[in-house]
N, C-alpha and C. Protein backbone atom coordinates (compact mmCIF):
# COMPACT_ATOMS: atom_id res chain seq x y z
N MET A 1 2.02 14.01 4.69
CA MET A 1 3.06 13.41 4.20
C MET A 1 2.64 13.57 2.57
N GLY A 2 2.41 14.56 2.03
CA GLY A 2 2.29 15.10 0.68
C GLY A 2 3.56 14.40 -0.20
N ASP A 3 4.62 15.12 0.35
CA ASP A 3 5.96 14.90 -0.57
C ASP A 3 6.49 13.97 -0.11
N LEU A 4 6.30 12.81 0.92
CA LEU A 4 6.89 11.65 1.27
C LEU A 4 8.74 11.82 0.84
N ALA A 5 9.22 13.02 1.78
CA ALA A 5 10.58 12.83 1.81
C ALA A 5 11.12 11.91 2.40
N GLU A 6 12.65 11.60 1.95
CA GLU A 6 12.87 10.55 2.41
C GLU A 6 12.84 9.63 3.93
N LYS A 7 13.20 10.95 4.78
CA LYS A 7 12.92 10.53 6.54
C LYS A 7 11.61 9.87 6.46
N GLY A 8 10.59 10.66 5.80
CA GLY A 8 9.29 10.50 6.12
C GLY A 8 8.24 9.46 5.38
N PHE A 9 9.06 8.90 4.54
CA PHE A 9 8.80 7.76 4.04
C PHE A 9 9.35 6.70 4.74
N GLU A 10 10.53 6.60 5.11
CA GLU A 10 11.40 5.64 5.98
C GLU A 10 10.46 5.46 7.29
N ASN A 11 10.17 6.68 8.00
CA ASN A 11 9.57 6.56 9.17
C ASN A 11 8.19 5.83 8.80
N HIS A 12 7.44 6.42 7.77
CA HIS A 12 5.90 5.77 7.96
C HIS A 12 5.97 4.46 7.67
N CYS A 13 7.01 3.86 6.69
CA CYS A 13 7.37 2.52 6.39
C CYS A 13 7.24 1.67 7.74
N LYS A 14 8.18 2.25 8.54
CA LYS A 14 8.82 1.50 9.72
C LYS A 14 7.65 1.42 10.67
N LYS A 15 6.81 2.32 10.84
CA LYS A 15 5.85 2.53 11.73
C LYS A 15 4.73 1.55 11.05
N LEU A 16 4.44 1.53 9.86
CA LEU A 16 3.60 0.45 9.30
C LEU A 16 4.09 -0.75 9.68
N SER A 17 5.33 -1.30 9.36
CA SER A 17 6.04 -2.59 9.45
C SER A 17 5.70 -2.92 11.18
N SER A 18 5.94 -1.64 11.96
CA SER A 18 6.14 -2.30 13.36
C SER A 18 4.38 -2.63 13.82
N ALA A 19 3.39 -1.97 13.07
CA ALA A 19 2.05 -2.01 13.58
C ALA A 19 1.76 -3.70 13.30
N PHE A 20 2.28 -3.97 11.87
CA PHE A 20 2.11 -5.65 11.73
C PHE A 20 2.67 -6.37 12.20
N GLN A 21 4.05 -6.45 12.81
CA GLN A 21 4.81 -7.24 13.63
C GLN A 21 3.85 -7.94 14.40
N GLY A 22 4.20 -9.47 13.85
CA GLY A 22 3.59 -10.46 14.59
C GLY A 22 2.20 -10.87 14.20
N VAL A 23 1.64 -10.01 13.50
CA VAL A 23 0.45 -10.26 12.87
C VAL A 23 0.25 -10.68 11.26
N LEU A 24 1.34 -10.17 10.52
CA LEU A 24 1.54 -10.90 9.05
C LEU A 24 3.09 -10.86 8.91
N SER A 25 3.08 -11.96 7.90
CA SER A 25 4.20 -12.24 7.28
C SER A 25 4.42 -11.67 5.98
N TRP A 26 5.58 -11.05 5.57
CA TRP A 26 5.58 -10.32 4.00
C TRP A 26 6.53 -11.03 3.43
N LYS A 27 6.30 -10.98 1.97
CA LYS A 27 6.98 -11.42 0.94
C LYS A 27 7.01 -10.23 -0.11
N TRP A 28 7.88 -10.59 -1.16
CA TRP A 28 8.21 -9.56 -2.17
C TRP A 28 7.19 -9.90 -3.06
N ASP A 29 6.40 -8.87 -3.95
CA ASP A 29 5.87 -9.10 -5.14
C ASP A 29 6.68 -8.58 -6.22
N SER A 30 7.07 -9.09 -6.85
CA SER A 30 8.09 -8.46 -8.07
C SER A 30 7.44 -8.03 -8.95
N ARG A 31 6.21 -8.43 -9.42
CA ARG A 31 5.50 -8.00 -10.52
C ARG A 31 4.77 -6.45 -10.34
N LEU A 32 4.42 -6.29 -9.27
CA LEU A 32 4.00 -5.03 -8.84
C LEU A 32 4.66 -4.09 -8.20
N GLU A 33 6.09 -4.72 -7.51
CA GLU A 33 6.76 -3.98 -6.74
C GLU A 33 6.31 -3.16 -5.43
N THR A 34 5.63 -4.49 -4.69
CA THR A 34 5.28 -4.17 -3.40
C THR A 34 5.60 -5.30 -2.36
N VAL A 35 5.32 -4.98 -0.97
CA VAL A 35 5.41 -5.92 -0.02
C VAL A 35 4.09 -6.55 -0.15
N LEU A 36 4.08 -7.70 0.08
CA LEU A 36 2.78 -8.67 0.01
C LEU A 36 2.71 -9.50 1.32
N ALA A 37 1.65 -9.53 1.62
CA ALA A 37 0.79 -10.43 3.00
C ALA A 37 -0.61 -10.96 2.44
N GLU A 38 -0.55 -12.28 2.89
CA GLU A 38 -1.89 -12.86 2.89
C GLU A 38 -2.44 -13.44 4.20
N PHE A 39 -3.88 -13.24 4.40
CA PHE A 39 -4.37 -13.75 5.75
C PHE A 39 -5.89 -14.18 5.77
N GLY A 40 -5.97 -14.75 6.31
CA GLY A 40 -7.20 -15.26 6.56
C GLY A 40 -8.40 -13.85 6.98
N THR A 41 -10.03 -14.31 6.79
CA THR A 41 -10.71 -13.02 6.67
C THR A 41 -11.07 -12.89 8.16
N GLY A 42 -10.82 -13.65 9.05
CA GLY A 42 -10.89 -13.76 10.73
C GLY A 42 -9.88 -12.66 10.86
N LYS A 43 -9.07 -12.30 10.50
CA LYS A 43 -8.20 -11.22 10.67
C LYS A 43 -8.35 -9.67 10.18
N LYS A 44 -9.61 -9.99 9.17
CA LYS A 44 -9.74 -8.60 8.20
C LYS A 44 -9.97 -7.33 9.19
N ASP A 45 -10.61 -7.16 10.30
CA ASP A 45 -10.81 -6.22 10.99
C ASP A 45 -9.73 -5.85 11.75
N ASP A 46 -9.02 -6.64 12.29
CA ASP A 46 -7.91 -6.19 12.99
C ASP A 46 -6.81 -5.52 11.86
N ILE A 47 -6.87 -6.22 10.99
CA ILE A 47 -5.67 -5.68 9.67
C ILE A 47 -6.38 -4.40 9.16
N ARG A 48 -7.60 -4.08 8.90
CA ARG A 48 -8.20 -2.89 8.46
C ARG A 48 -8.25 -1.93 9.33
N ALA A 49 -8.22 -2.17 10.55
CA ALA A 49 -7.91 -0.57 11.55
C ALA A 49 -6.47 -0.52 11.79
N ILE A 50 -5.48 -1.42 11.69
CA ILE A 50 -4.13 -0.82 11.37
C ILE A 50 -4.01 -0.23 10.18
N LEU A 51 -4.73 -0.26 9.12
CA LEU A 51 -4.16 0.25 7.97
C LEU A 51 -5.25 1.60 7.92
N GLU A 52 -6.23 1.67 8.56
CA GLU A 52 -7.16 3.00 8.48
C GLU A 52 -6.33 4.01 9.55
N ARG A 53 -5.63 3.51 10.35
CA ARG A 53 -4.80 4.33 11.44
C ARG A 53 -3.61 4.80 10.36
N SER A 54 -2.84 4.14 9.87
CA SER A 54 -1.60 4.29 9.01
C SER A 54 -1.89 5.02 7.74
N LEU A 55 -3.07 4.69 7.03
CA LEU A 55 -2.91 5.37 5.49
C LEU A 55 -4.71 5.61 5.53
N PRO A 56 -4.79 6.73 5.82
CA PRO A 56 -6.41 7.29 6.34
C PRO A 56 -7.35 7.61 5.36
N MET A 57 -6.62 7.56 3.89
CA MET A 57 -7.49 7.55 2.84
C MET A 57 -7.76 6.29 2.19
N ALA A 58 -9.43 5.98 1.82
CA ALA A 58 -9.77 4.85 1.48
C ALA A 58 -10.40 4.99 0.10
N TRP A 59 -10.31 4.23 -1.01
CA TRP A 59 -10.69 4.35 -1.87
C TRP A 59 -11.31 2.85 -2.40
N ASP A 60 -12.36 2.95 -3.22
CA ASP A 60 -13.20 1.66 -3.54
C ASP A 60 -13.97 1.84 -4.85
N SER A 61 -14.35 0.95 -5.48
CA SER A 61 -15.06 1.30 -6.87
C SER A 61 -15.96 2.35 -7.00
N SER A 62 -16.51 2.73 -6.00
CA SER A 62 -17.62 3.54 -6.06
C SER A 62 -17.14 5.00 -6.00
N ASN A 63 -15.91 5.22 -5.33
CA ASN A 63 -15.34 6.74 -5.36
C ASN A 63 -13.86 6.85 -5.98
N ILE A 64 -13.55 5.94 -6.63
CA ILE A 64 -12.26 6.19 -7.10
C ILE A 64 -12.13 6.75 -8.25
N ASN A 65 -13.39 7.04 -8.94
CA ASN A 65 -13.11 7.96 -10.23
C ASN A 65 -13.18 9.62 -9.86
N LYS A 66 -13.34 10.00 -8.55
CA LYS A 66 -13.40 11.10 -7.77
C LYS A 66 -11.61 11.34 -7.13
N GLY A 67 -11.01 10.44 -7.31
CA GLY A 67 -9.76 10.54 -6.49
C GLY A 67 -8.77 11.34 -7.51
N PRO A 68 -7.85 11.92 -6.66
CA PRO A 68 -6.86 12.74 -7.22
C PRO A 68 -6.11 12.16 -8.58
N ASP A 69 -5.21 12.46 -9.19
CA ASP A 69 -4.35 12.19 -10.22
C ASP A 69 -3.39 10.91 -9.85
N ILE A 70 -3.15 11.32 -8.84
CA ILE A 70 -1.90 10.30 -8.62
C ILE A 70 -2.69 8.89 -7.97
N VAL A 71 -3.90 8.95 -7.27
CA VAL A 71 -4.44 7.93 -7.21
C VAL A 71 -5.08 7.25 -8.32
N GLN A 72 -5.38 7.83 -9.29
CA GLN A 72 -5.89 7.33 -10.46
C GLN A 72 -4.86 6.73 -11.16
N THR A 73 -3.58 7.15 -11.06
CA THR A 73 -2.16 6.39 -11.47
C THR A 73 -2.08 5.22 -10.85
N VAL A 74 -1.92 5.05 -9.78
CA VAL A 74 -1.78 3.91 -8.69
C VAL A 74 -2.70 3.13 -8.99
N THR A 75 -3.96 3.24 -9.16
CA THR A 75 -5.35 2.27 -9.40
C THR A 75 -4.89 2.02 -10.97
N GLY A 76 -4.58 2.87 -11.71
CA GLY A 76 -4.33 1.95 -13.35
C GLY A 76 -2.91 1.20 -13.32
N HIS A 77 -2.01 1.13 -12.39
CA HIS A 77 -0.83 0.71 -12.28
C HIS A 77 -0.92 -0.86 -11.66
N LEU A 78 -2.26 -0.85 -10.87
CA LEU A 78 -2.75 -2.13 -10.24
C LEU A 78 -3.67 -2.73 -11.03
N GLY A 79 -4.08 -2.13 -12.06
CA GLY A 79 -5.18 -2.96 -12.92
C GLY A 79 -6.87 -2.44 -12.56
N GLY A 80 -6.65 -1.49 -11.81
CA GLY A 80 -8.16 -0.83 -11.59
C GLY A 80 -8.51 -1.49 -10.21
N LEU A 81 -9.61 -1.10 -9.75
CA LEU A 81 -10.23 -1.71 -8.59
C LEU A 81 -11.59 -2.18 -8.93
N TRP A 82 -11.64 -3.69 -8.48
CA TRP A 82 -12.99 -4.14 -8.74
C TRP A 82 -13.78 -4.19 -7.40
N PRO A 83 -15.40 -4.45 -7.45
CA PRO A 83 -15.97 -4.37 -6.30
C PRO A 83 -15.16 -5.16 -5.11
N GLY A 84 -15.38 -5.00 -3.92
CA GLY A 84 -14.78 -5.65 -2.79
C GLY A 84 -13.58 -5.39 -2.70
N GLN A 85 -12.55 -4.57 -3.82
CA GLN A 85 -11.21 -4.23 -3.55
C GLN A 85 -11.03 -3.06 -2.79
N GLN A 86 -10.01 -2.25 -2.31
CA GLN A 86 -9.77 -0.87 -1.95
C GLN A 86 -8.52 -0.83 -2.09
N LEU A 87 -8.40 0.78 -1.97
CA LEU A 87 -7.18 1.21 -2.07
C LEU A 87 -7.11 2.16 -0.69
N PHE A 88 -6.11 2.02 0.12
CA PHE A 88 -5.90 2.73 1.28
C PHE A 88 -4.26 3.57 0.78
N SER A 89 -4.41 4.88 1.27
CA SER A 89 -3.28 5.44 1.15
C SER A 89 -3.14 6.81 1.95
N SER A 90 -1.90 7.15 1.97
CA SER A 90 -1.48 8.31 2.64
C SER A 90 -2.03 9.47 2.09
N ASP A 91 -1.80 10.64 2.42
CA ASP A 91 -2.21 11.93 1.93
C ASP A 91 -1.85 12.37 0.29
N PRO A 92 -2.96 11.85 -0.32
CA PRO A 92 -2.63 11.82 -1.71
C PRO A 92 -2.48 13.72 -2.57
N GLU A 93 -2.20 14.46 -1.80
CA GLU A 93 -1.44 15.73 -2.40
C GLU A 93 -0.11 15.51 -2.51
N GLY A 94 0.44 15.93 -3.50
CA GLY A 94 2.20 15.86 -3.98
C GLY A 94 2.40 15.18 -5.08
N GLU A 95 3.64 14.78 -5.43
CA GLU A 95 4.07 13.93 -6.16
C GLU A 95 3.98 12.29 -5.51
N ALA A 96 3.70 12.01 -4.29
CA ALA A 96 4.03 10.63 -3.97
C ALA A 96 3.27 10.64 -2.68
N LEU A 97 2.77 9.20 -2.43
CA LEU A 97 2.22 8.58 -1.41
C LEU A 97 2.38 7.20 -1.41
N ILE A 98 1.97 6.84 -0.12
CA ILE A 98 2.12 5.19 0.37
C ILE A 98 0.73 4.61 0.06
N PHE A 99 0.72 3.50 -0.59
CA PHE A 99 -0.56 2.83 -0.58
C PHE A 99 -0.95 1.31 -0.49
N CYS A 100 -1.70 0.91 0.04
CA CYS A 100 -2.29 -0.09 0.45
C CYS A 100 -3.34 -1.12 -0.69
N ALA A 101 -2.88 -1.80 -1.25
CA ALA A 101 -3.94 -2.70 -2.02
C ALA A 101 -4.72 -3.23 -1.11
N TRP A 102 -5.96 -3.59 -1.17
CA TRP A 102 -6.60 -4.67 -0.20
C TRP A 102 -7.27 -5.56 -1.51
N TRP A 103 -7.08 -6.74 -1.55
CA TRP A 103 -7.63 -7.79 -2.48
C TRP A 103 -8.03 -8.94 -1.89
N PRO A 104 -9.65 -8.95 -1.67
CA PRO A 104 -10.11 -10.33 -1.02
C PRO A 104 -9.89 -11.68 -2.26
N TRP A 105 -9.79 -12.51 -2.24
CA TRP A 105 -9.85 -13.65 -2.95
C TRP A 105 -11.32 -14.12 -2.95
N GLY A 106 -11.44 -14.72 -4.20
CA GLY A 106 -12.35 -15.61 -5.03
C GLY A 106 -13.05 -16.50 -3.99
N ASP A 107 -12.19 -17.19 -3.04
CA ASP A 107 -12.73 -18.36 -2.25
C ASP A 107 -13.37 -17.70 -1.23
N GLY A 108 -13.51 -16.14 -0.67
CA GLY A 108 -13.89 -15.58 0.41
C GLY A 108 -13.52 -16.31 1.65
N LYS A 109 -12.14 -16.71 1.71
CA LYS A 109 -11.52 -16.94 2.81
C LYS A 109 -10.09 -16.27 3.01
N THR A 110 -9.33 -15.62 2.07
CA THR A 110 -8.13 -15.03 1.95
C THR A 110 -8.38 -13.76 1.45
N ILE A 111 -7.42 -12.72 2.20
CA ILE A 111 -7.18 -11.50 1.57
C ILE A 111 -5.73 -11.31 1.21
N SER A 112 -5.59 -10.50 0.18
CA SER A 112 -4.16 -9.89 0.32
C SER A 112 -4.18 -8.53 0.51
N ILE A 113 -3.08 -8.02 0.77
CA ILE A 113 -2.72 -6.88 0.70
C ILE A 113 -1.15 -6.61 0.18
N ARG A 114 -0.89 -5.23 -0.51
CA ARG A 114 0.27 -5.00 -1.05
C ARG A 114 0.65 -3.59 -0.63
N ILE A 115 1.59 -3.48 -0.15
CA ILE A 115 1.85 -2.19 0.27
C ILE A 115 3.01 -1.54 -0.51
N ALA A 116 3.11 -0.18 -0.92
CA ALA A 116 4.59 0.20 -1.72
C ALA A 116 4.21 2.10 -1.53
N PRO A 117 5.50 2.41 -1.82
CA PRO A 117 5.33 3.95 -2.09
C PRO A 117 5.07 4.16 -3.63
N PHE A 118 4.29 5.20 -4.04
CA PHE A 118 4.35 5.77 -5.58
C PHE A 118 4.62 6.87 -5.83
N TYR A 119 5.25 7.10 -6.78
CA TYR A 119 5.92 8.47 -7.14
C TYR A 119 5.42 8.59 -8.48
N LEU A 120 4.89 9.85 -8.95
CA LEU A 120 4.54 10.26 -9.97
C LEU A 120 5.82 10.32 -10.89
N SER A 121 6.97 10.79 -10.53
CA SER A 121 7.92 10.69 -11.29
C SER A 121 9.36 10.33 -10.31
N LEU A 122 10.14 9.30 -10.91
CA LEU A 122 11.32 9.19 -10.18
C LEU A 122 12.30 8.30 -10.74
N SER A 123 13.54 8.47 -10.99
CA SER A 123 14.59 7.71 -11.94
C SER A 123 14.70 6.55 -11.60
N GLY A 124 15.14 5.68 -12.10
CA GLY A 124 15.58 4.00 -12.02
C GLY A 124 16.27 4.15 -10.86
N PRO A 125 17.44 5.00 -10.64
CA PRO A 125 18.12 4.49 -9.27
C PRO A 125 17.42 5.13 -8.17
N ASP A 126 16.86 5.91 -8.07
CA ASP A 126 15.91 6.59 -7.11
C ASP A 126 15.03 5.36 -6.55
N LYS A 127 14.33 5.14 -7.71
CA LYS A 127 13.01 3.94 -7.41
C LYS A 127 13.69 2.50 -6.67
N ALA A 128 15.12 2.44 -7.29
CA ALA A 128 15.57 1.30 -6.88
C ALA A 128 16.18 1.44 -5.14
N GLU A 129 16.33 2.55 -4.83
CA GLU A 129 16.69 2.86 -3.39
C GLU A 129 15.53 2.98 -2.72
N LYS A 130 14.30 3.41 -3.39
CA LYS A 130 13.18 3.19 -2.43
C LYS A 130 12.62 1.87 -2.28
N ILE A 131 12.88 1.07 -3.36
CA ILE A 131 12.46 -0.37 -3.28
C ILE A 131 13.28 -1.09 -2.03
N GLN A 132 14.69 -0.92 -2.21
CA GLN A 132 15.48 -1.40 -1.01
C GLN A 132 15.13 -0.93 0.47
N LEU A 133 14.80 0.34 0.42
CA LEU A 133 14.16 0.59 1.75
C LEU A 133 12.93 0.31 2.06
N LEU A 134 12.18 0.05 1.41
CA LEU A 134 10.61 -0.72 1.51
C LEU A 134 11.21 -2.32 1.88
N LYS A 135 11.84 -2.68 1.36
CA LYS A 135 12.13 -4.03 1.74
C LYS A 135 12.71 -4.63 3.07
N GLY A 136 13.56 -3.53 3.39
CA GLY A 136 14.36 -3.35 4.66
C GLY A 136 13.43 -2.91 5.53
N CYS A 137 12.53 -2.00 5.40
CA CYS A 137 11.22 -1.94 6.64
C CYS A 137 10.94 -3.20 6.96
N PHE A 138 10.59 -3.91 5.98
CA PHE A 138 9.35 -5.09 6.05
C PHE A 138 10.13 -6.24 6.12
N GLY A 139 11.42 -6.08 6.23
CA GLY A 139 12.17 -7.37 6.77
C GLY A 139 12.36 -8.48 5.31
N ILE A 140 12.28 -7.82 4.36
CA ILE A 140 12.43 -8.68 3.08
C ILE A 140 13.79 -8.70 2.35
C-alpha cells in the first residue's frame, strides 16, 4: 500500500473500521485531523492485535529515529513519540501511508488511538476529500 491509491485507501479504511466495529466508538480529532477512540487498558491486547494485522509496521521511541522519512514526518506532525507511545503504519514506502498513534494516558487506565492517512504532498481540496472519506469509513 505504498502509494495509497484512491481505492486502496478507501478499502484499507473500511477494513480497519470493520475490524473495530462493536469494539470502539469513534469521534473526530480536529486538532490532528484523525479519527479518535479511547478505551480502557483491559482492551489493549485485543486492540493491539487488530492494529498489528492491519498496520504491520510498529515504531516507538527506541526505533523511530531509524524510520523512513514519511514516518519521521508523521511523528513530527504528532509532536514526537514518548516512551510508551507507539506509531503503527502501513507500508512506509512511497508518498503516503495510513498510521495509528497509540497513546497511553498518564492515569494508567486509558489509551487513545488516532488513525489517519498521511501524504507527503497533497493539495487542500484533495486533503479535504481524504478527510471526508476517512470520516465516512469510521461513521463520523
